[in-house]
Each structure stands twice: as C-alpha cells, then as structure tokens.
Amino acid sequence: MNAPALDLFLWGDVMTGRGIDQLLPPPARPTLYEGYVTDARDYVRLAEVANGPIARPVALDYICDEALAEIDRRSPRLRIVNLETAVTTAEDAWPGKGIHYRMHPANVGCLTAAHIDACVLANNHVLDWGGNWGYAIGRDERAFAQALVEAGTDLVHGHSSHHARGFEVYRERLVLYGCGDFINDYEGIGGHESYRGDLAGAYFVRLVEGRLRELTLVPFRSRRLSLRRAAAADAQWLLDTLNRECRPFGARLALAADGSLGLADVG
C-alpha cells in the first residue's frame, strides 16, 4: 500500500510592514527611525517612481495577487511562511535598532487571503515594536541543518536571507538554506540590484514518509508592490543563480514549460 503524500507550500520572508502596510486599510502610523527614511510611505513612493502609481488603499489580496491563484491551483495541505513583521499598533520601537517592521493588526487579512496555516516567528523583526530580543547562531549552518536531519527532521525551512540561496537533499530530506523574500517593500530601492530583490519564489514541496519526492519553485516578480508571474528572462535568471548556488550541494533545477523550476533527479 502506497504511503500518502504530504504537499506543502513554503514562502520565505513575508515582510508586510513599512511600505506594504501603508498600502492597506488601515495602516499603522508611518513613523520610522531609520537613518535615511522616517516615513514608511516613502517606500511606496519609491515603488511608484520605479513602476507607476498605486491607487490606495488596495484590497487585502492585492499584495499576493497572481500568487494566490497558483497556490490554490496546487492545493497544498499546509501553507507555511516566515512572518518577518511585528503585528501591532505599539509605538515603542526597539531602541537603537536600525530597521523596524510593523503591520496594523487589521491588515492581517493580506495573509489570511492566502489561507496561511502557520507563520514562523523565529526572526529578528517580529518584536521590532513592543519588545526586545536578540539571537545569534554560533554553529556552521550546514552542519547544523544536517544534524537536524540526522535527529529526525524531515525538512529544514531556511529563510531570512532576503535573497534566494542554495539548497540540498540530505539523506532524502530537503534542506532549504534560504528561500529569500516573498513579500517586501524593496521595489525602487537602488544599490543592490544584482541580488534581484524584486524576484520571489513560491516553493511547493511533496514529501512521502518525510522523504522528498518533488520540489517545484514558481517565480514571481513584484510590480507596484504586487506579485505577478515572472517573465521567461526572470525565470531563467533565477534558474541560473540557484543552480550556481546549489552546485556545491549536488542539487540541480530544470526549467519547465510553464516557467516553473523543478528539482531534477529526485528519487
């Protein structure tokens, strides 16, 4: 008798604060304490300068846009994201911290529109407002990830890298070292164009008894702070970049006819 498959949908960093929050009704207060930006609405203006005006307020499903249809089409059993944003109206920003992300609680519908099942909160922004904490990782991340697998972990979902990083299949288990950002307000910000912060990957994973059986990455691109399916050239860029990053791990992606990227040679 064949074991049942478990289909998962994984996002990287979901940063719905700052400029993203300012698009939604109602936004939190726009006050920021950054070195160059003191008003969160400036991040919306940067995106508008780059790609055109955005009529505000937007609907709660505007941010994810075409990604929602893709997720629903694939019908994953579980939908998991890294919510790298405080959800609060608190006004006490973490003292001395350079970047603060905050989303008004009333705007949580931009997540529920995607029927998210779980939000990972183990990141360095979830307590930007109303709390203080810090963490450090002192171990080699690859050794740590492999140790988790050896201890019985079926999948390691790495995030917080802000750009897509490599992954490997270790003892038939998937280790994602960094899924990159899925939602952010970086559109129009100059200086790091080579990292292609406008590109986002939706990771669809199939496990059978914990073992990886399928991995598909669907590329999206942010335009006017809304996710749209990436063009062929963008998908090719992501394919080449990830294959370069995955080469040391022995993993390789291939481009499918529908523009998605699939893991080659899965057992």
Protein backbone atom coordinates (compact mmCIF):
# COMPACT_ATOMS: atom_id res chain seq x y z
CA MET A 1 0.00 0.00 0.00
CA ASN A 2 1.44 3.35 -1.04
CA ALA A 3 2.08 5.90 1.71
CA PRO A 4 0.13 9.18 1.34
CA ALA A 5 1.94 12.26 0.09
CA LEU A 6 2.14 15.49 2.07
CA ASP A 7 2.09 18.60 -0.12
CA LEU A 8 3.48 21.80 1.37
CA PHE A 9 3.68 25.40 0.28
CA LEU A 10 6.60 27.38 1.72
CA TRP A 11 7.31 31.09 1.46
CA GLY A 12 10.46 32.83 2.53
CA ASP A 13 10.30 36.16 4.32
CA VAL A 14 6.91 37.88 4.40
CA MET A 15 7.64 41.49 5.29
CA THR A 16 4.22 43.10 5.35
CA GLY A 17 5.24 46.09 7.45
CA ARG A 18 6.50 49.51 6.46
CA GLY A 19 5.59 50.31 2.83
CA ILE A 20 3.36 47.25 2.37
CA ASP A 21 1.31 48.16 5.45
CA GLN A 22 0.90 51.73 4.18
CA LEU A 23 -0.99 50.42 1.12
CA LEU A 24 -3.60 48.65 3.23
CA PRO A 25 -6.63 49.91 5.18
CA PRO A 26 -5.92 50.97 7.89
CA PRO A 27 -2.12 51.33 8.09
CA ALA A 28 -0.13 51.72 11.27
CA ARG A 29 1.41 55.13 11.93
CA PRO A 30 4.13 55.67 9.28
CA THR A 31 6.80 56.92 11.70
CA LEU A 32 10.18 55.21 11.23
CA TYR A 33 13.53 55.63 12.98
CA GLU A 34 15.88 54.72 10.14
CA GLY A 35 19.00 56.59 9.18
CA TYR A 36 17.59 57.75 5.83
CA VAL A 37 13.82 57.18 5.99
CA THR A 38 11.48 58.46 8.69
CA ASP A 39 8.15 57.88 6.94
CA ALA A 40 7.07 54.40 5.77
CA ARG A 41 5.10 55.95 2.92
CA ASP A 42 8.41 56.84 1.26
CA TYR A 43 8.82 53.15 0.37
CA VAL A 44 5.55 53.26 -1.53
CA ARG A 45 6.72 56.39 -3.35
CA LEU A 46 9.96 54.67 -4.39
CA ALA A 47 7.97 51.79 -5.92
CA GLU A 48 5.74 54.28 -7.73
CA VAL A 49 8.73 56.14 -9.15
CA ALA A 50 10.08 52.83 -10.46
CA ASN A 51 6.91 51.34 -11.94
CA GLY A 52 3.96 53.72 -11.80
CA PRO A 53 1.24 54.91 -9.40
CA ILE A 54 -0.58 52.66 -6.94
CA ALA A 55 -4.17 53.56 -6.09
CA ARG A 56 -4.58 53.41 -2.30
CA PRO A 57 -5.92 51.76 -0.27
CA VAL A 58 -5.54 48.40 -2.01
CA ALA A 59 -7.62 45.28 -1.43
CA LEU A 60 -6.22 42.79 1.08
CA ASP A 61 -5.44 40.28 -1.69
CA TYR A 62 -3.58 42.88 -3.79
CA ILE A 63 -0.13 42.12 -2.38
CA CYS A 64 -0.13 38.41 -3.25
CA ASP A 65 -2.20 38.86 -6.43
CA GLU A 66 -1.29 36.17 -9.01
CA ALA A 67 0.47 34.04 -6.38
CA LEU A 68 -2.90 33.29 -4.78
CA ALA A 69 -4.26 31.56 -7.88
CA GLU A 70 -1.10 29.47 -8.20
CA ILE A 71 -1.28 28.35 -4.58
CA ASP A 72 -4.95 27.46 -4.83
CA ARG A 73 -4.38 25.59 -8.09
CA ARG A 74 -1.79 23.34 -6.45
CA SER A 75 -3.89 22.82 -3.27
CA PRO A 76 -1.09 22.21 -0.76
CA ARG A 77 -2.07 20.54 2.51
CA LEU A 78 -0.12 23.08 4.59
CA ARG A 79 0.90 26.68 3.84
CA ILE A 80 3.80 28.00 5.92
CA VAL A 81 5.51 31.40 5.84
CA ASN A 82 8.14 33.32 7.81
CA LEU A 83 6.30 36.41 9.06
CA GLU A 84 9.14 38.87 9.49
CA THR A 85 6.99 41.73 10.74
CA ALA A 86 5.53 42.81 14.09
CA VAL A 87 1.71 42.82 14.02
CA THR A 88 0.89 45.62 16.43
CA THR A 89 -0.10 49.22 16.99
CA ALA A 90 2.58 49.61 19.68
CA GLU A 91 4.61 52.81 19.48
CA ASP A 92 7.72 51.75 21.45
CA ALA A 93 10.24 50.93 18.74
CA TRP A 94 13.21 48.75 19.69
CA PRO A 95 15.81 51.33 20.82
CA GLY A 96 18.94 51.51 18.70
CA LYS A 97 17.68 49.05 16.09
CA GLY A 98 18.18 50.36 12.57
CA ILE A 99 15.11 48.83 10.87
CA HIS A 100 11.62 48.36 12.30
CA TYR A 101 8.76 46.48 10.59
CA ARG A 102 5.18 46.92 11.78
CA MET A 103 1.82 45.93 10.30
CA HIS A 104 -1.53 47.08 11.70
CA PRO A 105 -3.44 44.05 13.13
CA ALA A 106 -6.44 44.92 10.96
CA ASN A 107 -4.32 44.15 7.89
CA VAL A 108 -3.70 40.51 8.77
CA GLY A 109 -6.22 39.75 6.01
CA CYS A 110 -3.40 40.09 3.48
CA LEU A 111 -2.15 36.79 4.96
CA THR A 112 -5.47 35.08 5.53
CA ALA A 113 -6.30 35.77 1.88
CA ALA A 114 -3.67 33.14 1.10
CA HIS A 115 -5.14 30.74 3.71
CA ILE A 116 -1.84 30.53 5.59
CA ASP A 117 -1.76 27.69 8.12
CA ALA A 118 1.32 28.70 10.12
CA CYS A 119 3.58 31.73 10.47
CA VAL A 120 7.13 31.17 11.65
CA LEU A 121 8.08 33.85 14.19
CA ALA A 122 11.74 32.91 14.75
CA ASN A 123 13.25 36.00 13.15
CA ASN A 124 14.77 39.35 14.05
CA HIS A 125 11.79 41.62 13.25
CA VAL A 126 8.76 40.11 14.95
CA LEU A 127 9.47 42.11 18.14
CA ASP A 128 10.61 45.34 16.48
CA TRP A 129 7.81 47.18 18.30
CA GLY A 130 6.79 46.48 21.87
CA GLY A 131 9.59 44.06 22.82
CA ASN A 132 13.32 43.36 22.76
CA TRP A 133 15.28 40.26 21.99
CA GLY A 134 18.39 39.09 20.25
CA TYR A 135 19.81 35.87 18.95
CA ALA A 136 22.99 34.56 17.45
CA ILE A 137 23.85 31.38 15.61
CA GLY A 138 27.28 30.17 16.54
CA ARG A 139 27.32 26.93 14.58
CA ASP A 140 28.03 26.26 10.95
CA GLU A 141 24.60 26.33 9.35
CA ARG A 142 25.16 23.35 7.05
CA ALA A 143 26.44 21.16 9.87
CA PHE A 144 23.52 22.30 12.00
CA ALA A 145 20.96 21.55 9.27
CA GLN A 146 22.40 18.10 8.66
CA ALA A 147 22.41 17.40 12.38
CA LEU A 148 18.70 18.25 12.45
CA VAL A 149 18.05 15.73 9.69
CA GLU A 150 20.08 13.07 11.49
CA ALA A 151 17.99 13.76 14.59
CA GLY A 152 14.78 13.02 12.66
CA THR A 153 13.81 16.30 11.00
CA ASP A 154 12.05 15.78 7.67
CA LEU A 155 12.51 19.27 6.22
CA VAL A 156 14.61 22.31 7.09
CA HIS A 157 12.91 25.55 6.01
CA GLY A 158 15.60 28.25 5.99
CA HIS A 159 14.70 31.90 5.50
CA SER A 160 15.75 35.44 6.49
CA SER A 161 18.46 35.56 3.81
CA HIS A 162 16.46 38.21 1.83
CA HIS A 163 17.58 36.58 -1.43
CA ALA A 164 17.30 33.00 -2.64
CA ARG A 165 20.14 30.73 -1.59
CA GLY A 166 21.09 27.17 -2.39
CA PHE A 167 19.52 24.01 -1.07
CA GLU A 168 20.38 20.34 -0.88
CA VAL A 169 18.77 16.95 -0.47
CA TYR A 170 20.46 15.30 2.50
CA ARG A 171 19.52 11.70 3.27
CA GLU A 172 16.41 12.19 1.14
CA ARG A 173 15.38 15.22 3.21
CA LEU A 174 15.11 18.74 1.80
CA VAL A 175 17.30 21.43 3.34
CA LEU A 176 16.46 24.96 2.18
CA TYR A 177 19.25 27.29 3.26
CA GLY A 178 17.38 30.46 2.39
CA CYS A 179 14.12 30.92 0.49
CA GLY A 180 14.66 34.67 0.12
CA ASP A 181 11.94 37.29 0.46
CA PHE A 182 8.48 36.62 -0.86
CA ILE A 183 6.91 39.94 0.12
CA ASN A 184 8.90 43.11 0.77
CA ASP A 185 8.86 46.84 0.03
CA TYR A 186 12.28 46.99 -1.64
CA GLU A 187 10.94 47.88 -5.07
CA GLY A 188 12.65 51.03 -6.33
CA ILE A 189 15.46 50.96 -3.75
CA GLY A 190 18.82 51.22 -5.50
CA GLY A 191 22.20 49.76 -4.61
CA HIS A 192 21.54 46.00 -4.51
CA GLU A 193 20.06 45.33 -7.94
CA SER A 194 22.39 42.36 -8.55
CA TYR A 195 20.53 40.39 -5.87
CA ARG A 196 17.21 40.83 -7.71
CA GLY A 197 15.13 41.58 -4.64
CA ASP A 198 12.14 42.03 -6.97
CA LEU A 199 12.07 38.27 -7.68
CA ALA A 200 10.33 35.86 -5.32
CA GLY A 201 9.99 32.09 -5.31
CA ALA A 202 6.99 30.08 -4.16
CA TYR A 203 8.23 26.66 -3.01
CA PHE A 204 5.92 23.67 -3.46
CA VAL A 205 7.20 20.53 -1.76
CA ARG A 206 5.91 16.96 -1.79
CA LEU A 207 7.01 14.57 0.95
CA VAL A 208 6.26 10.87 1.32
CA GLU A 209 7.04 9.49 4.77
CA GLY A 210 9.27 12.53 5.26
CA ARG A 211 11.32 11.89 2.14
CA LEU A 212 11.44 14.47 -0.63
CA ARG A 213 9.61 13.35 -3.74
CA GLU A 214 9.06 16.64 -5.57
CA LEU A 215 10.19 20.26 -5.37
CA THR A 216 8.79 22.97 -7.63
CA LEU A 217 9.70 26.64 -7.41
CA VAL A 218 7.37 29.10 -9.13
CA PRO A 219 8.99 32.52 -9.79
CA PHE A 220 7.12 35.77 -9.22
CA ARG A 221 8.13 39.38 -9.64
CA SER A 222 7.00 42.41 -7.65
CA ARG A 223 5.50 45.26 -9.65
CA ARG A 224 3.77 48.15 -7.85
CA LEU A 225 4.23 46.05 -4.70
CA SER A 226 2.07 43.25 -6.12
CA LEU A 227 3.26 39.76 -7.08
CA ARG A 228 2.94 38.73 -10.74
CA ARG A 229 4.26 35.68 -12.54
CA ALA A 230 7.83 36.31 -13.59
CA ALA A 231 8.73 36.66 -17.27
CA ALA A 232 10.80 34.00 -19.03
CA ALA A 233 14.02 36.00 -18.71
CA ASP A 234 13.48 36.44 -14.97
CA ALA A 235 12.78 32.73 -14.51
CA GLN A 236 15.98 31.93 -16.41
CA TRP A 237 17.97 34.32 -14.19
CA LEU A 238 16.62 32.63 -11.06
CA LEU A 239 17.35 29.19 -12.52
CA ASP A 240 20.96 30.09 -13.33
CA THR A 241 21.50 31.72 -9.95
CA LEU A 242 20.08 28.86 -7.91
CA ASN A 243 21.92 26.23 -9.93
CA ARG A 244 25.15 28.10 -9.25
CA GLU A 245 24.34 28.23 -5.54
CA CYS A 246 23.24 24.58 -5.43
CA ARG A 247 26.24 23.19 -7.30
CA PRO A 248 28.32 22.57 -4.13
CA PHE A 249 25.41 20.54 -2.73
CA GLY A 250 24.91 18.41 -5.83
CA ALA A 251 21.38 19.71 -6.49
CA ARG A 252 20.09 21.00 -9.82
CA LEU A 253 16.91 22.65 -11.07
CA ALA A 254 15.42 22.46 -14.57
CA LEU A 255 13.09 24.89 -16.31
CA ALA A 256 9.64 23.51 -17.09
CA ALA A 257 7.42 24.54 -20.00
CA ASP A 258 5.13 26.54 -17.67
CA GLY A 259 8.03 28.66 -16.39
CA SER A 260 8.37 26.88 -13.06
CA LEU A 261 11.64 25.38 -11.82
CA GLY A 262 11.69 21.73 -10.83
CA LEU A 263 14.31 19.74 -8.93
CA ALA A 264 15.97 17.24 -11.22
CA ASP A 265 16.85 13.67 -10.23
CA VAL A 266 14.57 13.28 -7.20
CA GLY A 267 14.29 9.68 -6.06
